[in-house]
Amino acid sequence: EMQLNSPYRPDGWTVRQTVHHIYDSHHNAYTRFKWALTEATPTIKIYD
């Protein structure tokens, strides 16, 4: 737990945040794939 809650670089996210970020980012990318396959050049929703 201590390692998961440690940042992987100064002022960076913790390892835990990074793992959850990867899911969030890749989930959004997969959704963008589906939009592009089913709509004509869709404008994606960006997220912070």
ModelCIF file with pLDDT and N, C-alpha, C, O atoms, coordinates in Angstrom:
data_MODEL
#
_entry.id   MODEL 
#
_entity.id                         1 
_entity.type                       polymer 
_entity.pdbx_number_of_molecules   1 
#
_entity_poly.entity_id                      1 
_entity_poly.type                           'polypeptide(L)' 
_entity_poly.nstd_linkage                   no 
_entity_poly.nstd_monomer                   no 
_entity_poly.pdbx_seq_one_letter_code       EMQLNSPYRPDGWTVRQTVHHIYDSHHNAYTRFKWALTEATPTIKIYD 
_entity_poly.pdbx_seq_one_letter_code_can   EMQLNSPYRPDGWTVRQTVHHIYDSHHNAYTRFKWALTEATPTIKIYD 
_entity_poly.pdbx_strand_id                 A 
#
loop_
_entity_poly_seq.entity_id 
_entity_poly_seq.num 
_entity_poly_seq.mon_id 
_entity_poly_seq.hetero 
1 1  GLU n 
1 2  MET n 
1 3  GLN n 
1 4  LEU n 
1 5  ASN n 
1 6  SER n 
1 7  PRO n 
1 8  TYR n 
1 9  ARG n 
1 10 PRO n 
1 11 ASP n 
1 12 GLY n 
1 13 TRP n 
1 14 THR n 
1 15 VAL n 
1 16 ARG n 
1 17 GLN n 
1 18 THR n 
1 19 VAL n 
1 20 HIS n 
1 21 HIS n 
1 22 ILE n 
1 23 TYR n 
1 24 ASP n 
1 25 SER n 
1 26 HIS n 
1 27 HIS n 
1 28 ASN n 
1 29 ALA n 
1 30 TYR n 
1 31 THR n 
1 32 ARG n 
1 33 PHE n 
1 34 LYS n 
1 35 TRP n 
1 36 ALA n 
1 37 LEU n 
1 38 THR n 
1 39 GLU n 
1 40 ALA n 
1 41 THR n 
1 42 PRO n 
1 43 THR n 
1 44 ILE n 
1 45 LYS n 
1 46 ILE n 
1 47 TYR n 
1 48 ASP n 
#
_struct_asym.id          A 
_struct_asym.entity_id   1 
#
loop_
_ma_qa_metric.id 
_ma_qa_metric.mode 
_ma_qa_metric.name 
_ma_qa_metric.software_group_id 
_ma_qa_metric.type 
1 global pLDDT . pLDDT 
2 local  pLDDT . pLDDT 
#
_ma_qa_metric_global.metric_id      1 
_ma_qa_metric_global.metric_value   95.31 
_ma_qa_metric_global.model_id       1 
_ma_qa_metric_global.ordinal_id     1 
#
loop_
_ma_qa_metric_local.label_asym_id 
_ma_qa_metric_local.label_comp_id 
_ma_qa_metric_local.label_seq_id 
_ma_qa_metric_local.metric_id 
_ma_qa_metric_local.metric_value 
_ma_qa_metric_local.model_id 
_ma_qa_metric_local.ordinal_id 
A GLU 1  2 97.00 1 1  
A MET 2  2 97.00 1 2  
A GLN 3  2 96.00 1 3  
A LEU 4  2 97.00 1 4  
A ASN 5  2 97.00 1 5  
A SER 6  2 95.00 1 6  
A PRO 7  2 92.00 1 7  
A TYR 8  2 81.00 1 8  
A ARG 9  2 81.00 1 9  
A PRO 10 2 81.00 1 10 
A ASP 11 2 83.00 1 11 
A GLY 12 2 89.00 1 12 
A TRP 13 2 94.00 1 13 
A THR 14 2 96.00 1 14 
A VAL 15 2 95.00 1 15 
A ARG 16 2 98.00 1 16 
A GLN 17 2 98.00 1 17 
A THR 18 2 95.00 1 18 
A VAL 19 2 97.00 1 19 
A HIS 20 2 98.00 1 20 
A HIS 21 2 96.00 1 21 
A ILE 22 2 96.00 1 22 
A TYR 23 2 98.00 1 23 
A ASP 24 2 97.00 1 24 
A SER 25 2 96.00 1 25 
A HIS 26 2 97.00 1 26 
A HIS 27 2 97.00 1 27 
A ASN 28 2 97.00 1 28 
A ALA 29 2 97.00 1 29 
A TYR 30 2 98.00 1 30 
A THR 31 2 98.00 1 31 
A ARG 32 2 97.00 1 32 
A PHE 33 2 97.00 1 33 
A LYS 34 2 98.00 1 34 
A TRP 35 2 98.00 1 35 
A ALA 36 2 98.00 1 36 
A LEU 37 2 98.00 1 37 
A THR 38 2 98.00 1 38 
A GLU 39 2 98.00 1 39 
A ALA 40 2 98.00 1 40 
A THR 41 2 98.00 1 41 
A PRO 42 2 98.00 1 42 
A THR 43 2 98.00 1 43 
A ILE 44 2 97.00 1 44 
A LYS 45 2 95.00 1 45 
A ILE 46 2 94.00 1 46 
A TYR 47 2 95.00 1 47 
A ASP 48 2 96.00 1 48 
#
loop_
_atom_site.group_PDB 
_atom_site.id 
_atom_site.type_symbol 
_atom_site.label_atom_id 
_atom_site.label_alt_id 
_atom_site.label_comp_id 
_atom_site.label_asym_id 
_atom_site.label_entity_id 
_atom_site.label_seq_id 
_atom_site.pdbx_PDB_ins_code 
_atom_site.Cartn_x 
_atom_site.Cartn_y 
_atom_site.Cartn_z 
_atom_site.occupancy 
_atom_site.B_iso_or_equiv 
_atom_site.pdbx_formal_charge 
_atom_site.auth_seq_id 
_atom_site.auth_comp_id 
_atom_site.auth_asym_id 
_atom_site.auth_atom_id 
_atom_site.pdbx_PDB_model_num 
ATOM 1   N N  . GLU A 1 1  ? 0.841   -1.205 0.000   1.00 97.00 ? 1  GLU A N  1 
ATOM 2   C CA . GLU A 1 1  ? 0.000   0.000  0.000   1.00 97.00 ? 1  GLU A CA 1 
ATOM 3   C C  . GLU A 1 1  ? 0.875   1.255  0.000   1.00 97.00 ? 1  GLU A C  1 
ATOM 4   O O  . GLU A 1 1  ? 0.562   2.240  -0.669  1.00 97.00 ? 1  GLU A O  1 
ATOM 5   N N  . MET A 1 2  ? 1.967   1.209  0.751   1.00 97.00 ? 2  MET A N  1 
ATOM 6   C CA . MET A 1 2  ? 2.867   2.356  0.791   1.00 97.00 ? 2  MET A CA 1 
ATOM 7   C C  . MET A 1 2  ? 3.459   2.624  -0.593  1.00 97.00 ? 2  MET A C  1 
ATOM 8   O O  . MET A 1 2  ? 3.546   3.776  -1.019  1.00 97.00 ? 2  MET A O  1 
ATOM 9   N N  . GLN A 1 3  ? 3.860   1.578  -1.284  1.00 96.00 ? 3  GLN A N  1 
ATOM 10  C CA . GLN A 1 3  ? 4.413   1.741  -2.631  1.00 96.00 ? 3  GLN A CA 1 
ATOM 11  C C  . GLN A 1 3  ? 3.340   2.248  -3.604  1.00 96.00 ? 3  GLN A C  1 
ATOM 12  O O  . GLN A 1 3  ? 3.618   3.116  -4.432  1.00 96.00 ? 3  GLN A O  1 
ATOM 13  N N  . LEU A 1 4  ? 2.122   1.714  -3.508  1.00 97.00 ? 4  LEU A N  1 
ATOM 14  C CA . LEU A 1 4  ? 1.040   2.158  -4.388  1.00 97.00 ? 4  LEU A CA 1 
ATOM 15  C C  . LEU A 1 4  ? 0.702   3.627  -4.158  1.00 97.00 ? 4  LEU A C  1 
ATOM 16  O O  . LEU A 1 4  ? 0.270   4.323  -5.077  1.00 97.00 ? 4  LEU A O  1 
ATOM 17  N N  . ASN A 1 5  ? 0.900   4.090  -2.935  1.00 97.00 ? 5  ASN A N  1 
ATOM 18  C CA . ASN A 1 5  ? 0.566   5.479  -2.596  1.00 97.00 ? 5  ASN A CA 1 
ATOM 19  C C  . ASN A 1 5  ? 1.749   6.426  -2.720  1.00 97.00 ? 5  ASN A C  1 
ATOM 20  O O  . ASN A 1 5  ? 1.676   7.577  -2.288  1.00 97.00 ? 5  ASN A O  1 
ATOM 21  N N  . SER A 1 6  ? 2.835   5.944  -3.307  1.00 95.00 ? 6  SER A N  1 
ATOM 22  C CA . SER A 1 6  ? 4.021   6.779  -3.513  1.00 95.00 ? 6  SER A CA 1 
ATOM 23  C C  . SER A 1 6  ? 4.039   7.299  -4.947  1.00 95.00 ? 6  SER A C  1 
ATOM 24  O O  . SER A 1 6  ? 3.714   6.568  -5.884  1.00 95.00 ? 6  SER A O  1 
ATOM 25  N N  . PRO A 1 7  ? 4.421   8.569  -5.113  1.00 92.00 ? 7  PRO A N  1 
ATOM 26  C CA . PRO A 1 7  ? 4.554   9.082  -6.480  1.00 92.00 ? 7  PRO A CA 1 
ATOM 27  C C  . PRO A 1 7  ? 5.736   8.423  -7.181  1.00 92.00 ? 7  PRO A C  1 
ATOM 28  O O  . PRO A 1 7  ? 6.747   8.105  -6.554  1.00 92.00 ? 7  PRO A O  1 
ATOM 29  N N  . TYR A 1 8  ? 5.595   8.225  -8.475  1.00 81.00 ? 8  TYR A N  1 
ATOM 30  C CA . TYR A 1 8  ? 6.676   7.579  -9.219  1.00 81.00 ? 8  TYR A CA 1 
ATOM 31  C C  . TYR A 1 8  ? 7.714   8.580  -9.681  1.00 81.00 ? 8  TYR A C  1 
ATOM 32  O O  . TYR A 1 8  ? 8.775   8.194  -10.172 1.00 81.00 ? 8  TYR A O  1 
ATOM 33  N N  . ARG A 1 9  ? 7.419   9.879  -9.528  1.00 81.00 ? 9  ARG A N  1 
ATOM 34  C CA . ARG A 1 9  ? 8.388   10.938 -9.811  1.00 81.00 ? 9  ARG A CA 1 
ATOM 35  C C  . ARG A 1 9  ? 8.010   12.139 -8.961  1.00 81.00 ? 9  ARG A C  1 
ATOM 36  O O  . ARG A 1 9  ? 6.871   12.219 -8.499  1.00 81.00 ? 9  ARG A O  1 
ATOM 37  N N  . PRO A 1 10 ? 8.936   13.087 -8.734  1.00 81.00 ? 10 PRO A N  1 
ATOM 38  C CA . PRO A 1 10 ? 8.609   14.270 -7.933  1.00 81.00 ? 10 PRO A CA 1 
ATOM 39  C C  . PRO A 1 10 ? 7.405   15.014 -8.517  1.00 81.00 ? 10 PRO A C  1 
ATOM 40  O O  . PRO A 1 10 ? 7.339   15.253 -9.723  1.00 81.00 ? 10 PRO A O  1 
ATOM 41  N N  . ASP A 1 11 ? 6.461   15.376 -7.657  1.00 83.00 ? 11 ASP A N  1 
ATOM 42  C CA . ASP A 1 11 ? 5.246   16.103 -8.032  1.00 83.00 ? 11 ASP A CA 1 
ATOM 43  C C  . ASP A 1 11 ? 4.373   15.337 -9.025  1.00 83.00 ? 11 ASP A C  1 
ATOM 44  O O  . ASP A 1 11 ? 3.552   15.933 -9.723  1.00 83.00 ? 11 ASP A O  1 
ATOM 45  N N  . GLY A 1 12 ? 4.549   14.030 -9.087  1.00 89.00 ? 12 GLY A N  1 
ATOM 46  C CA . GLY A 1 12 ? 3.756   13.211 -10.007 1.00 89.00 ? 12 GLY A CA 1 
ATOM 47  C C  . GLY A 1 12 ? 2.657   12.469 -9.270  1.00 89.00 ? 12 GLY A C  1 
ATOM 48  O O  . GLY A 1 12 ? 2.518   12.562 -8.050  1.00 89.00 ? 12 GLY A O  1 
ATOM 49  N N  . TRP A 1 13 ? 1.886   11.736 -10.046 1.00 94.00 ? 13 TRP A N  1 
ATOM 50  C CA . TRP A 1 13 ? 0.832   10.914 -9.469  1.00 94.00 ? 13 TRP A CA 1 
ATOM 51  C C  . TRP A 1 13 ? 1.443   9.749  -8.715  1.00 94.00 ? 13 TRP A C  1 
ATOM 52  O O  . TRP A 1 13 ? 2.592   9.370  -8.939  1.00 94.00 ? 13 TRP A O  1 
ATOM 53  N N  . THR A 1 14 ? 0.643   9.189  -7.813  1.00 96.00 ? 14 THR A N  1 
ATOM 54  C CA . THR A 1 14 ? 1.064   7.961  -7.148  1.00 96.00 ? 14 THR A CA 1 
ATOM 55  C C  . THR A 1 14 ? 0.939   6.806  -8.145  1.00 96.00 ? 14 THR A C  1 
ATOM 56  O O  . THR A 1 14 ? 0.317   6.939  -9.199  1.00 96.00 ? 14 THR A O  1 
ATOM 57  N N  . VAL A 1 15 ? 1.532   5.692  -7.793  1.00 95.00 ? 15 VAL A N  1 
ATOM 58  C CA . VAL A 1 15 ? 1.393   4.506  -8.634  1.00 95.00 ? 15 VAL A CA 1 
ATOM 59  C C  . VAL A 1 15 ? -0.092  4.161  -8.758  1.00 95.00 ? 15 VAL A C  1 
ATOM 60  O O  . VAL A 1 15 ? -0.555  3.812  -9.844  1.00 95.00 ? 15 VAL A O  1 
ATOM 61  N N  . ARG A 1 16 ? -0.837  4.252  -7.668  1.00 98.00 ? 16 ARG A N  1 
ATOM 62  C CA . ARG A 1 16 ? -2.282  3.963  -7.673  1.00 98.00 ? 16 ARG A CA 1 
ATOM 63  C C  . ARG A 1 16 ? -3.003  4.882  -8.671  1.00 98.00 ? 16 ARG A C  1 
ATOM 64  O O  . ARG A 1 16 ? -3.781  4.410  -9.500  1.00 98.00 ? 16 ARG A O  1 
ATOM 65  N N  . GLN A 1 17 ? -2.743  6.180  -8.590  1.00 98.00 ? 17 GLN A N  1 
ATOM 66  C CA . GLN A 1 17 ? -3.373  7.125  -9.512  1.00 98.00 ? 17 GLN A CA 1 
ATOM 67  C C  . GLN A 1 17 ? -3.006  6.814  -10.958 1.00 98.00 ? 17 GLN A C  1 
ATOM 68  O O  . GLN A 1 17 ? -3.836  6.944  -11.858 1.00 98.00 ? 17 GLN A O  1 
ATOM 69  N N  . THR A 1 18 ? -1.767  6.405  -11.175 1.00 95.00 ? 18 THR A N  1 
ATOM 70  C CA . THR A 1 18 ? -1.313  6.100  -12.533 1.00 95.00 ? 18 THR A CA 1 
ATOM 71  C C  . THR A 1 18 ? -2.052  4.888  -13.097 1.00 95.00 ? 18 THR A C  1 
ATOM 72  O O  . THR A 1 18 ? -2.462  4.900  -14.258 1.00 95.00 ? 18 THR A O  1 
ATOM 73  N N  . VAL A 1 19 ? -2.225  3.850  -12.291 1.00 97.00 ? 19 VAL A N  1 
ATOM 74  C CA . VAL A 1 19 ? -2.960  2.662  -12.752 1.00 97.00 ? 19 VAL A CA 1 
ATOM 75  C C  . VAL A 1 19 ? -4.395  3.050  -13.108 1.00 97.00 ? 19 VAL A C  1 
ATOM 76  O O  . VAL A 1 19 ? -4.909  2.650  -14.153 1.00 97.00 ? 19 VAL A O  1 
ATOM 77  N N  . HIS A 1 20 ? -5.039  3.829  -12.239 1.00 98.00 ? 20 HIS A N  1 
ATOM 78  C CA . HIS A 1 20 ? -6.419  4.247  -12.523 1.00 98.00 ? 20 HIS A CA 1 
ATOM 79  C C  . HIS A 1 20 ? -6.459  5.184  -13.740 1.00 98.00 ? 20 HIS A C  1 
ATOM 80  O O  . HIS A 1 20 ? -7.407  5.134  -14.523 1.00 98.00 ? 20 HIS A O  1 
ATOM 81  N N  . HIS A 1 21 ? -5.445  6.029  -13.901 1.00 96.00 ? 21 HIS A N  1 
ATOM 82  C CA . HIS A 1 21 ? -5.353  6.896  -15.083 1.00 96.00 ? 21 HIS A CA 1 
ATOM 83  C C  . HIS A 1 21 ? -5.272  6.066  -16.365 1.00 96.00 ? 21 HIS A C  1 
ATOM 84  O O  . HIS A 1 21 ? -5.921  6.389  -17.360 1.00 96.00 ? 21 HIS A O  1 
ATOM 85  N N  . ILE A 1 22 ? -4.488  5.018  -16.339 1.00 96.00 ? 22 ILE A N  1 
ATOM 86  C CA . ILE A 1 22 ? -4.350  4.180  -17.537 1.00 96.00 ? 22 ILE A CA 1 
ATOM 87  C C  . ILE A 1 22 ? -5.721  3.650  -17.942 1.00 96.00 ? 22 ILE A C  1 
ATOM 88  O O  . ILE A 1 22 ? -6.077  3.688  -19.120 1.00 96.00 ? 22 ILE A O  1 
ATOM 89  N N  . TYR A 1 23 ? -6.493  3.155  -16.973 1.00 98.00 ? 23 TYR A N  1 
ATOM 90  C CA . TYR A 1 23 ? -7.830  2.674  -17.325 1.00 98.00 ? 23 TYR A CA 1 
ATOM 91  C C  . TYR A 1 23 ? -8.682  3.811  -17.902 1.00 98.00 ? 23 TYR A C  1 
ATOM 92  O O  . TYR A 1 23 ? -9.298  3.653  -18.956 1.00 98.00 ? 23 TYR A O  1 
ATOM 93  N N  . ASP A 1 24 ? -8.715  4.943  -17.216 1.00 97.00 ? 24 ASP A N  1 
ATOM 94  C CA . ASP A 1 24 ? -9.533  6.069  -17.693 1.00 97.00 ? 24 ASP A CA 1 
ATOM 95  C C  . ASP A 1 24 ? -9.134  6.476  -19.107 1.00 97.00 ? 24 ASP A C  1 
ATOM 96  O O  . ASP A 1 24 ? -9.992  6.669  -19.969 1.00 97.00 ? 24 ASP A O  1 
ATOM 97  N N  . SER A 1 25 ? -7.843  6.604  -19.338 1.00 96.00 ? 25 SER A N  1 
ATOM 98  C CA . SER A 1 25 ? -7.337  7.036  -20.633 1.00 96.00 ? 25 SER A CA 1 
ATOM 99  C C  . SER A 1 25 ? -7.658  6.023  -21.728 1.00 96.00 ? 25 SER A C  1 
ATOM 100 O O  . SER A 1 25 ? -8.124  6.397  -22.804 1.00 96.00 ? 25 SER A O  1 
ATOM 101 N N  . HIS A 1 26 ? -7.413  4.761  -21.460 1.00 97.00 ? 26 HIS A N  1 
ATOM 102 C CA . HIS A 1 26 ? -7.617  3.739  -22.477 1.00 97.00 ? 26 HIS A CA 1 
ATOM 103 C C  . HIS A 1 26 ? -9.105  3.484  -22.729 1.00 97.00 ? 26 HIS A C  1 
ATOM 104 O O  . HIS A 1 26 ? -9.507  3.157  -23.846 1.00 97.00 ? 26 HIS A O  1 
ATOM 105 N N  . HIS A 1 27 ? -9.916  3.638  -21.681 1.00 97.00 ? 27 HIS A N  1 
ATOM 106 C CA . HIS A 1 27 ? -11.368 3.530  -21.859 1.00 97.00 ? 27 HIS A CA 1 
ATOM 107 C C  . HIS A 1 27 ? -11.864 4.641  -22.790 1.00 97.00 ? 27 HIS A C  1 
ATOM 108 O O  . HIS A 1 27 ? -12.672 4.391  -23.685 1.00 97.00 ? 27 HIS A O  1 
ATOM 109 N N  . ASN A 1 28 ? -11.388 5.848  -22.580 1.00 97.00 ? 28 ASN A N  1 
ATOM 110 C CA . ASN A 1 28 ? -11.753 6.963  -23.454 1.00 97.00 ? 28 ASN A CA 1 
ATOM 111 C C  . ASN A 1 28 ? -11.284 6.705  -24.881 1.00 97.00 ? 28 ASN A C  1 
ATOM 112 O O  . ASN A 1 28 ? -12.012 6.993  -25.831 1.00 97.00 ? 28 ASN A O  1 
ATOM 113 N N  . ALA A 1 29 ? -10.085 6.168  -25.042 1.00 97.00 ? 29 ALA A N  1 
ATOM 114 C CA . ALA A 1 29 ? -9.558  5.887  -26.385 1.00 97.00 ? 29 ALA A CA 1 
ATOM 115 C C  . ALA A 1 29 ? -10.407 4.837  -27.097 1.00 97.00 ? 29 ALA A C  1 
ATOM 116 O O  . ALA A 1 29 ? -10.704 4.976  -28.284 1.00 97.00 ? 29 ALA A O  1 
ATOM 117 N N  . TYR A 1 30 ? -10.797 3.790  -26.377 1.00 98.00 ? 30 TYR A N  1 
ATOM 118 C CA . TYR A 1 30 ? -11.640 2.753  -26.965 1.00 98.00 ? 30 TYR A CA 1 
ATOM 119 C C  . TYR A 1 30 ? -12.965 3.353  -27.430 1.00 98.00 ? 30 TYR A C  1 
ATOM 120 O O  . TYR A 1 30 ? -13.458 3.026  -28.509 1.00 98.00 ? 30 TYR A O  1 
ATOM 121 N N  . THR A 1 31 ? -13.528 4.220  -26.617 1.00 98.00 ? 31 THR A N  1 
ATOM 122 C CA . THR A 1 31 ? -14.778 4.891  -26.990 1.00 98.00 ? 31 THR A CA 1 
ATOM 123 C C  . THR A 1 31 ? -14.571 5.749  -28.235 1.00 98.00 ? 31 THR A C  1 
ATOM 124 O O  . THR A 1 31 ? -15.446 5.800  -29.099 1.00 98.00 ? 31 THR A O  1 
ATOM 125 N N  . ARG A 1 32 ? -13.449 6.410  -28.337 1.00 97.00 ? 32 ARG A N  1 
ATOM 126 C CA . ARG A 1 32 ? -13.136 7.210  -29.529 1.00 97.00 ? 32 ARG A CA 1 
ATOM 127 C C  . ARG A 1 32 ? -13.061 6.317  -30.766 1.00 97.00 ? 32 ARG A C  1 
ATOM 128 O O  . ARG A 1 32 ? -13.510 6.711  -31.842 1.00 97.00 ? 32 ARG A O  1 
ATOM 129 N N  . PHE A 1 33 ? -12.497 5.121  -30.618 1.00 97.00 ? 33 PHE A N  1 
ATOM 130 C CA . PHE A 1 33 ? -12.466 4.155  -31.724 1.00 97.00 ? 33 PHE A CA 1 
ATOM 131 C C  . PHE A 1 33 ? -13.880 3.856  -32.201 1.00 97.00 ? 33 PHE A C  1 
ATOM 132 O O  . PHE A 1 33 ? -14.173 3.889  -33.396 1.00 97.00 ? 33 PHE A O  1 
ATOM 133 N N  . LYS A 1 34 ? -14.747 3.563  -31.243 1.00 98.00 ? 34 LYS A N  1 
ATOM 134 C CA . LYS A 1 34 ? -16.118 3.195  -31.600 1.00 98.00 ? 34 LYS A CA 1 
ATOM 135 C C  . LYS A 1 34 ? -16.844 4.364  -32.276 1.00 98.00 ? 34 LYS A C  1 
ATOM 136 O O  . LYS A 1 34 ? -17.578 4.170  -33.245 1.00 98.00 ? 34 LYS A O  1 
ATOM 137 N N  . TRP A 1 35 ? -16.633 5.568  -31.761 1.00 98.00 ? 35 TRP A N  1 
ATOM 138 C CA . TRP A 1 35 ? -17.255 6.738  -32.401 1.00 98.00 ? 35 TRP A CA 1 
ATOM 139 C C  . TRP A 1 35 ? -16.766 6.883  -33.835 1.00 98.00 ? 35 TRP A C  1 
ATOM 140 O O  . TRP A 1 35 ? -17.562 7.089  -34.751 1.00 98.00 ? 35 TRP A O  1 
ATOM 141 N N  . ALA A 1 36 ? -15.459 6.776  -34.027 1.00 98.00 ? 36 ALA A N  1 
ATOM 142 C CA . ALA A 1 36 ? -14.895 6.951  -35.368 1.00 98.00 ? 36 ALA A CA 1 
ATOM 143 C C  . ALA A 1 36 ? -15.400 5.870  -36.325 1.00 98.00 ? 36 ALA A C  1 
ATOM 144 O O  . ALA A 1 36 ? -15.558 6.123  -37.520 1.00 98.00 ? 36 ALA A O  1 
ATOM 145 N N  . LEU A 1 37 ? -15.648 4.690  -35.814 1.00 98.00 ? 37 LEU A N  1 
ATOM 146 C CA . LEU A 1 37 ? -16.142 3.605  -36.659 1.00 98.00 ? 37 LEU A CA 1 
ATOM 147 C C  . LEU A 1 37 ? -17.627 3.741  -37.001 1.00 98.00 ? 37 LEU A C  1 
ATOM 148 O O  . LEU A 1 37 ? -18.104 3.165  -37.979 1.00 98.00 ? 37 LEU A O  1 
ATOM 149 N N  . THR A 1 38 ? -18.340 4.501  -36.193 1.00 98.00 ? 38 THR A N  1 
ATOM 150 C CA . THR A 1 38 ? -19.799 4.551  -36.367 1.00 98.00 ? 38 THR A CA 1 
ATOM 151 C C  . THR A 1 38 ? -20.342 5.930  -36.721 1.00 98.00 ? 38 THR A C  1 
ATOM 152 O O  . THR A 1 38 ? -21.536 6.078  -36.984 1.00 98.00 ? 38 THR A O  1 
ATOM 153 N N  . GLU A 1 39 ? -19.476 6.940  -36.731 1.00 98.00 ? 39 GLU A N  1 
ATOM 154 C CA . GLU A 1 39 ? -19.896 8.298  -37.066 1.00 98.00 ? 39 GLU A CA 1 
ATOM 155 C C  . GLU A 1 39 ? -18.888 8.895  -38.046 1.00 98.00 ? 39 GLU A C  1 
ATOM 156 O O  . GLU A 1 39 ? -17.748 8.437  -38.130 1.00 98.00 ? 39 GLU A O  1 
ATOM 157 N N  . ALA A 1 40 ? -19.304 9.899  -38.770 1.00 98.00 ? 40 ALA A N  1 
ATOM 158 C CA . ALA A 1 40 ? -18.414 10.569 -39.734 1.00 98.00 ? 40 ALA A CA 1 
ATOM 159 C C  . ALA A 1 40 ? -17.571 11.617 -39.005 1.00 98.00 ? 40 ALA A C  1 
ATOM 160 O O  . ALA A 1 40 ? -18.074 12.670 -38.615 1.00 98.00 ? 40 ALA A O  1 
ATOM 161 N N  . THR A 1 41 ? -16.307 11.319 -38.832 1.00 98.00 ? 41 THR A N  1 
ATOM 162 C CA . THR A 1 41 ? -15.331 12.209 -38.177 1.00 98.00 ? 41 THR A CA 1 
ATOM 163 C C  . THR A 1 41 ? -15.932 12.924 -36.964 1.00 98.00 ? 41 THR A C  1 
ATOM 164 O O  . THR A 1 41 ? -16.079 14.146 -36.961 1.00 98.00 ? 41 THR A O  1 
ATOM 165 N N  . PRO A 1 42 ? -16.276 12.145 -35.936 1.00 98.00 ? 42 PRO A N  1 
ATOM 166 C CA . PRO A 1 42 ? -16.869 12.759 -34.746 1.00 98.00 ? 42 PRO A CA 1 
ATOM 167 C C  . PRO A 1 42 ? -15.874 13.646 -34.006 1.00 98.00 ? 42 PRO A C  1 
ATOM 168 O O  . PRO A 1 42 ? -14.670 13.391 -34.014 1.00 98.00 ? 42 PRO A O  1 
ATOM 169 N N  . THR A 1 43 ? -16.385 14.669 -33.381 1.00 98.00 ? 43 THR A N  1 
ATOM 170 C CA . THR A 1 43 ? -15.581 15.480 -32.466 1.00 98.00 ? 43 THR A CA 1 
ATOM 171 C C  . THR A 1 43 ? -15.684 14.817 -31.112 1.00 98.00 ? 43 THR A C  1 
ATOM 172 O O  . THR A 1 43 ? -16.778 14.647 -30.574 1.00 98.00 ? 43 THR A O  1 
ATOM 173 N N  . ILE A 1 44 ? -14.548 14.443 -30.564 1.00 97.00 ? 44 ILE A N  1 
ATOM 174 C CA . ILE A 1 44 ? -14.540 13.712 -29.301 1.00 97.00 ? 44 ILE A CA 1 
ATOM 175 C C  . ILE A 1 44 ? -14.773 14.648 -28.125 1.00 97.00 ? 44 ILE A C  1 
ATOM 176 O O  . ILE A 1 44 ? -14.576 15.859 -28.217 1.00 97.00 ? 44 ILE A O  1 
ATOM 177 N N  . LYS A 1 45 ? -15.191 14.064 -27.038 1.00 95.00 ? 45 LYS A N  1 
ATOM 178 C CA . LYS A 1 45 ? -15.292 14.772 -25.766 1.00 95.00 ? 45 LYS A CA 1 
ATOM 179 C C  . LYS A 1 45 ? -13.934 14.628 -25.100 1.00 95.00 ? 45 LYS A C  1 
ATOM 180 O O  . LYS A 1 45 ? -13.453 13.516 -24.878 1.00 95.00 ? 45 LYS A O  1 
ATOM 181 N N  . ILE A 1 46 ? -13.325 15.755 -24.786 1.00 94.00 ? 46 ILE A N  1 
ATOM 182 C CA . ILE A 1 46 ? -12.056 15.694 -24.071 1.00 94.00 ? 46 ILE A CA 1 
ATOM 183 C C  . ILE A 1 46 ? -12.340 15.672 -22.570 1.00 94.00 ? 46 ILE A C  1 
ATOM 184 O O  . ILE A 1 46 ? -13.443 16.006 -22.137 1.00 94.00 ? 46 ILE A O  1 
ATOM 185 N N  . TYR A 1 47 ? -11.361 15.285 -21.796 1.00 95.00 ? 47 TYR A N  1 
ATOM 186 C CA . TYR A 1 47 ? -11.535 15.243 -20.348 1.00 95.00 ? 47 TYR A CA 1 
ATOM 187 C C  . TYR A 1 47 ? -10.264 15.740 -19.684 1.00 95.00 ? 47 TYR A C  1 
ATOM 188 O O  . TYR A 1 47 ? -9.184  15.690 -20.272 1.00 95.00 ? 47 TYR A O  1 
ATOM 189 N N  . ASP A 1 48 ? -10.397 16.211 -18.482 1.00 96.00 ? 48 ASP A N  1 
ATOM 190 C CA . ASP A 1 48 ? -9.276  16.744 -17.717 1.00 96.00 ? 48 ASP A CA 1 
ATOM 191 C C  . ASP A 1 48 ? -8.645  15.597 -16.924 1.00 96.00 ? 48 ASP A C  1 
ATOM 192 O O  . ASP A 1 48 ? -7.673  15.809 -16.199 1.00 96.00 ? 48 ASP A O  1 
#
